[in-house]
Amino acid sequence: MFGEFIKRLTQPDPAPLPDDDARLAMTALLVRVARTDGHYDPEEAARIDRIAAARYGLSDTEAQALRRDAEALEAEAPDTVRFTRAIKDAVAYEDRIGVIEALWQVVLADDVREAEEDALLRLVSNLLGINDRDSALARQRVAARG
């Protein structure tokens, strides 16, 4: 279903993604992080819906549809390293800290920090060009908001 999209995303020197495609790629990354610990629960899916609605100005129904598409894309996407590097190349730098915050929202949605999730967040932060300090500050901001 998303073969052409993934091909465009992972080609050398991909063009910046149009807004709708960037939304889909970023939401797929949220899904990937949520699935990392093997327990993709309804609270994590609902958190992704809330993040998408707030971040992109979507209705609840639109956010849920975006998440469902993102779940399908994530299932077809290449390994996390290539997928995240492709997103980095196609998404403006100024959006990356917000993406890390959104990823921390998903990780912290179930109130349990799994070692697998922490490790993936470190990897993803690095691949997105975000250092450990900025990622930790993003996590602290998310935790403070509850």
C-alpha atoms as a PDB file:
ATOM      1  CA  MET A   1       0.000   0.000   0.000  1.00  0.00           C
ATOM      2  CA  PHE A   2       2.804   2.425   0.899  1.00  0.00           C
ATOM      3  CA  GLY A   3       5.554   1.016  -1.290  1.00  0.00           C
ATOM      4  CA  GLU A   4       5.906   4.119  -3.472  1.00  0.00           C
ATOM      5  CA  PHE A   5       5.834   6.408  -0.431  1.00  0.00           C
ATOM      6  CA  ILE A   6       8.599   4.423   1.275  1.00  0.00           C
ATOM      7  CA  LYS A   7      10.615   4.352  -1.945  1.00  0.00           C
ATOM      8  CA  ARG A   8      10.443   8.175  -2.213  1.00  0.00           C
ATOM      9  CA  LEU A   9      11.285   8.551   1.466  1.00  0.00           C
ATOM     10  CA  THR A  10      14.323   6.272   1.405  1.00  0.00           C
ATOM     11  CA  GLN A  11      15.898   7.352  -1.875  1.00  0.00           C
ATOM     12  CA  PRO A  12      19.238   9.179  -1.723  1.00  0.00           C
ATOM     13  CA  ASP A  13      18.655  12.900  -1.183  1.00  0.00           C
ATOM     14  CA  PRO A  14      14.870  12.741  -0.788  1.00  0.00           C
ATOM     15  CA  ALA A  15      12.931  15.905  -1.502  1.00  0.00           C
ATOM     16  CA  PRO A  16      11.269  17.530   1.495  1.00  0.00           C
ATOM     17  CA  LEU A  17       7.961  15.838   2.155  1.00  0.00           C
ATOM     18  CA  PRO A  18       4.694  17.654   1.571  1.00  0.00           C
ATOM     19  CA  ASP A  19       2.901  18.382   4.845  1.00  0.00           C
ATOM     20  CA  ASP A  20       0.469  15.447   4.612  1.00  0.00           C
ATOM     21  CA  ASP A  21       3.278  12.973   3.915  1.00  0.00           C
ATOM     22  CA  ALA A  22       5.419  14.416   6.708  1.00  0.00           C
ATOM     23  CA  ARG A  23       2.487  13.998   9.106  1.00  0.00           C
ATOM     24  CA  LEU A  24       2.109  10.396   8.064  1.00  0.00           C
ATOM     25  CA  ALA A  25       5.838   9.643   8.414  1.00  0.00           C
ATOM     26  CA  MET A  26       6.089  11.300  11.815  1.00  0.00           C
ATOM     27  CA  THR A  27       2.981   9.523  13.080  1.00  0.00           C
ATOM     28  CA  ALA A  28       4.382   6.214  11.813  1.00  0.00           C
ATOM     29  CA  LEU A  29       7.503   6.909  13.863  1.00  0.00           C
ATOM     30  CA  LEU A  30       5.286   7.442  16.936  1.00  0.00           C
ATOM     31  CA  VAL A  31       3.625   4.086  16.230  1.00  0.00           C
ATOM     32  CA  ARG A  32       7.021   2.405  15.859  1.00  0.00           C
ATOM     33  CA  VAL A  33       8.128   3.685  19.259  1.00  0.00           C
ATOM     34  CA  ALA A  34       4.833   2.635  20.850  1.00  0.00           C
ATOM     35  CA  ARG A  35       5.215  -0.889  19.441  1.00  0.00           C
ATOM     36  CA  THR A  36       8.832  -1.254  20.561  1.00  0.00           C
ATOM     37  CA  ASP A  37       8.113  -2.950  23.862  1.00  0.00           C
ATOM     38  CA  GLY A  38       5.724  -5.447  22.276  1.00  0.00           C
ATOM     39  CA  HIS A  39       2.721  -3.933  24.074  1.00  0.00           C
ATOM     40  CA  TYR A  40       0.928  -1.484  21.788  1.00  0.00           C
ATOM     41  CA  ASP A  41      -1.957  -0.789  24.094  1.00  0.00           C
ATOM     42  CA  PRO A  42      -5.071   1.357  23.634  1.00  0.00           C
ATOM     43  CA  GLU A  43      -3.662   4.130  25.838  1.00  0.00           C
ATOM     44  CA  GLU A  44      -0.657   4.495  23.554  1.00  0.00           C
ATOM     45  CA  ALA A  45      -2.895   4.575  20.464  1.00  0.00           C
ATOM     46  CA  ALA A  46      -5.127   7.167  22.143  1.00  0.00           C
ATOM     47  CA  ARG A  47      -2.059   9.230  23.056  1.00  0.00           C
ATOM     48  CA  ILE A  48      -0.928   9.153  19.428  1.00  0.00           C
ATOM     49  CA  ASP A  49      -4.403  10.327  18.400  1.00  0.00           C
ATOM     50  CA  ARG A  50      -4.222  13.238  20.868  1.00  0.00           C
ATOM     51  CA  ILE A  51      -0.719  14.188  19.723  1.00  0.00           C
ATOM     52  CA  ALA A  52      -1.753  14.140  16.057  1.00  0.00           C
ATOM     53  CA  ALA A  53      -4.918  16.141  16.757  1.00  0.00           C
ATOM     54  CA  ALA A  54      -3.032  18.808  18.734  1.00  0.00           C
ATOM     55  CA  ARG A  55       0.059  18.930  16.516  1.00  0.00           C
ATOM     56  CA  TYR A  56      -1.769  19.030  13.192  1.00  0.00           C
ATOM     57  CA  GLY A  57      -5.114  20.624  14.131  1.00  0.00           C
ATOM     58  CA  LEU A  58      -7.116  17.502  13.341  1.00  0.00           C
ATOM     59  CA  SER A  59     -10.506  16.370  14.576  1.00  0.00           C
ATOM     60  CA  ASP A  60     -10.634  13.165  16.626  1.00  0.00           C
ATOM     61  CA  THR A  61     -11.846  11.239  13.583  1.00  0.00           C
ATOM     62  CA  GLU A  62      -9.098  12.668  11.346  1.00  0.00           C
ATOM     63  CA  ALA A  63      -6.440  11.896  13.965  1.00  0.00           C
ATOM     64  CA  GLN A  64      -7.650   8.307  14.287  1.00  0.00           C
ATOM     65  CA  ALA A  65      -7.602   7.891  10.497  1.00  0.00           C
ATOM     66  CA  LEU A  66      -4.054   9.279  10.371  1.00  0.00           C
ATOM     67  CA  ARG A  67      -2.965   6.853  13.088  1.00  0.00           C
ATOM     68  CA  ARG A  68      -4.510   3.884  11.272  1.00  0.00           C
ATOM     69  CA  ASP A  69      -2.666   4.866   8.081  1.00  0.00           C
ATOM     70  CA  ALA A  70       0.516   5.348  10.113  1.00  0.00           C
ATOM     71  CA  GLU A  71       0.136   1.882  11.648  1.00  0.00           C
ATOM     72  CA  ALA A  72      -0.032   0.397   8.147  1.00  0.00           C
ATOM     73  CA  LEU A  73       2.957   2.463   6.977  1.00  0.00           C
ATOM     74  CA  GLU A  74       4.996   1.505  10.038  1.00  0.00           C
ATOM     75  CA  ALA A  75       4.375  -2.176   9.342  1.00  0.00           C
ATOM     76  CA  GLU A  76       5.832  -1.755   5.824  1.00  0.00           C
ATOM     77  CA  ALA A  77       8.595   0.733   6.692  1.00  0.00           C
ATOM     78  CA  PRO A  78      12.251  -0.272   6.568  1.00  0.00           C
ATOM     79  CA  ASP A  79      14.379  -0.718   9.653  1.00  0.00           C
ATOM     80  CA  THR A  80      14.310   2.090  12.189  1.00  0.00           C
ATOM     81  CA  VAL A  81      17.734   3.468  11.232  1.00  0.00           C
ATOM     82  CA  ARG A  82      16.878   3.950   7.547  1.00  0.00           C
ATOM     83  CA  PHE A  83      13.333   5.082   8.303  1.00  0.00           C
ATOM     84  CA  THR A  84      14.428   7.702  10.844  1.00  0.00           C
ATOM     85  CA  ARG A  85      17.311   8.963   8.712  1.00  0.00           C
ATOM     86  CA  ALA A  86      14.887   9.368   5.832  1.00  0.00           C
ATOM     87  CA  ILE A  87      12.549  11.381   8.039  1.00  0.00           C
ATOM     88  CA  LYS A  88      15.473  13.547   9.193  1.00  0.00           C
ATOM     89  CA  ASP A  89      16.381  14.306   5.594  1.00  0.00           C
ATOM     90  CA  ALA A  90      12.788  15.100   4.642  1.00  0.00           C
ATOM     91  CA  VAL A  91      11.549  17.041   7.698  1.00  0.00           C
ATOM     92  CA  ALA A  92      12.721  20.513   8.715  1.00  0.00           C
ATOM     93  CA  TYR A  93      15.107  20.679  11.691  1.00  0.00           C
ATOM     94  CA  GLU A  94      12.862  22.984  13.723  1.00  0.00           C
ATOM     95  CA  ASP A  95      10.229  20.232  13.912  1.00  0.00           C
ATOM     96  CA  ARG A  96      12.578  17.636  15.376  1.00  0.00           C
ATOM     97  CA  ILE A  97      12.492  18.675  19.047  1.00  0.00           C
ATOM     98  CA  GLY A  98       8.699  18.633  18.884  1.00  0.00           C
ATOM     99  CA  VAL A  99       8.911  15.160  17.408  1.00  0.00           C
ATOM    100  CA  ILE A 100      11.119  13.990  20.279  1.00  0.00           C
ATOM    101  CA  GLU A 101       8.628  15.438  22.768  1.00  0.00           C
ATOM    102  CA  ALA A 102       5.820  13.606  20.986  1.00  0.00           C
ATOM    103  CA  LEU A 103       7.824  10.377  21.088  1.00  0.00           C
ATOM    104  CA  TRP A 104       8.357  10.808  24.831  1.00  0.00           C
ATOM    105  CA  GLN A 105       4.603  11.360  25.240  1.00  0.00           C
ATOM    106  CA  VAL A 106       4.014   7.979  23.641  1.00  0.00           C
ATOM    107  CA  VAL A 107       6.716   6.241  25.691  1.00  0.00           C
ATOM    108  CA  LEU A 108       5.359   7.707  28.932  1.00  0.00           C
ATOM    109  CA  ALA A 109       1.679   7.101  28.036  1.00  0.00           C
ATOM    110  CA  ASP A 110       1.526   3.822  29.954  1.00  0.00           C
ATOM    111  CA  ASP A 111       3.480   5.245  32.933  1.00  0.00           C
ATOM    112  CA  VAL A 112       6.160   2.585  32.427  1.00  0.00           C
ATOM    113  CA  ARG A 113       9.597   3.293  30.942  1.00  0.00           C
ATOM    114  CA  GLU A 114      10.851   0.099  29.371  1.00  0.00           C
ATOM    115  CA  ALA A 115      14.558  -0.322  28.616  1.00  0.00           C
ATOM    116  CA  GLU A 116      13.692  -1.064  24.974  1.00  0.00           C
ATOM    117  CA  GLU A 117      11.799   2.226  24.665  1.00  0.00           C
ATOM    118  CA  ASP A 118      14.627   4.225  26.257  1.00  0.00           C
ATOM    119  CA  ALA A 119      17.154   2.620  23.932  1.00  0.00           C
ATOM    120  CA  LEU A 120      15.018   3.306  20.882  1.00  0.00           C
ATOM    121  CA  LEU A 121      14.486   6.939  21.926  1.00  0.00           C
ATOM    122  CA  ARG A 122      18.249   7.408  22.270  1.00  0.00           C
ATOM    123  CA  LEU A 123      18.767   5.916  18.820  1.00  0.00           C
ATOM    124  CA  VAL A 124      15.949   7.905  17.206  1.00  0.00           C
ATOM    125  CA  SER A 125      17.072  11.155  18.848  1.00  0.00           C
ATOM    126  CA  ASN A 126      20.586  10.623  17.553  1.00  0.00           C
ATOM    127  CA  LEU A 127      19.353   9.754  14.050  1.00  0.00           C
ATOM    128  CA  LEU A 128      17.162  12.864  14.023  1.00  0.00           C
ATOM    129  CA  GLY A 129      20.176  14.968  15.007  1.00  0.00           C
ATOM    130  CA  ILE A 130      18.986  15.632  18.571  1.00  0.00           C
ATOM    131  CA  ASN A 131      21.592  15.228  21.316  1.00  0.00           C
ATOM    132  CA  ASP A 132      20.982  13.313  24.562  1.00  0.00           C
ATOM    133  CA  ARG A 133      20.701  16.494  26.613  1.00  0.00           C
ATOM    134  CA  ASP A 134      17.966  17.979  24.434  1.00  0.00           C
ATOM    135  CA  SER A 135      16.128  14.658  24.404  1.00  0.00           C
ATOM    136  CA  ALA A 136      16.312  14.489  28.211  1.00  0.00           C
ATOM    137  CA  LEU A 137      14.989  18.046  28.464  1.00  0.00           C
ATOM    138  CA  ALA A 138      12.143  17.117  26.118  1.00  0.00           C
ATOM    139  CA  ARG A 139      11.331  14.103  28.330  1.00  0.00           C
ATOM    140  CA  GLN A 140      11.347  16.291  31.434  1.00  0.00           C
ATOM    141  CA  ARG A 141       8.954  18.780  29.796  1.00  0.00           C
ATOM    142  CA  VAL A 142       6.602  15.955  28.875  1.00  0.00           C
ATOM    143  CA  ALA A 143       6.779  14.420  32.345  1.00  0.00           C
ATOM    144  CA  ALA A 144       6.102  17.803  33.970  1.00  0.00           C
ATOM    145  CA  ARG A 145       2.935  18.231  31.882  1.00  0.00           C
ATOM    146  CA  GLY A 146       1.765  14.826  33.044  1.00  0.00           C
END
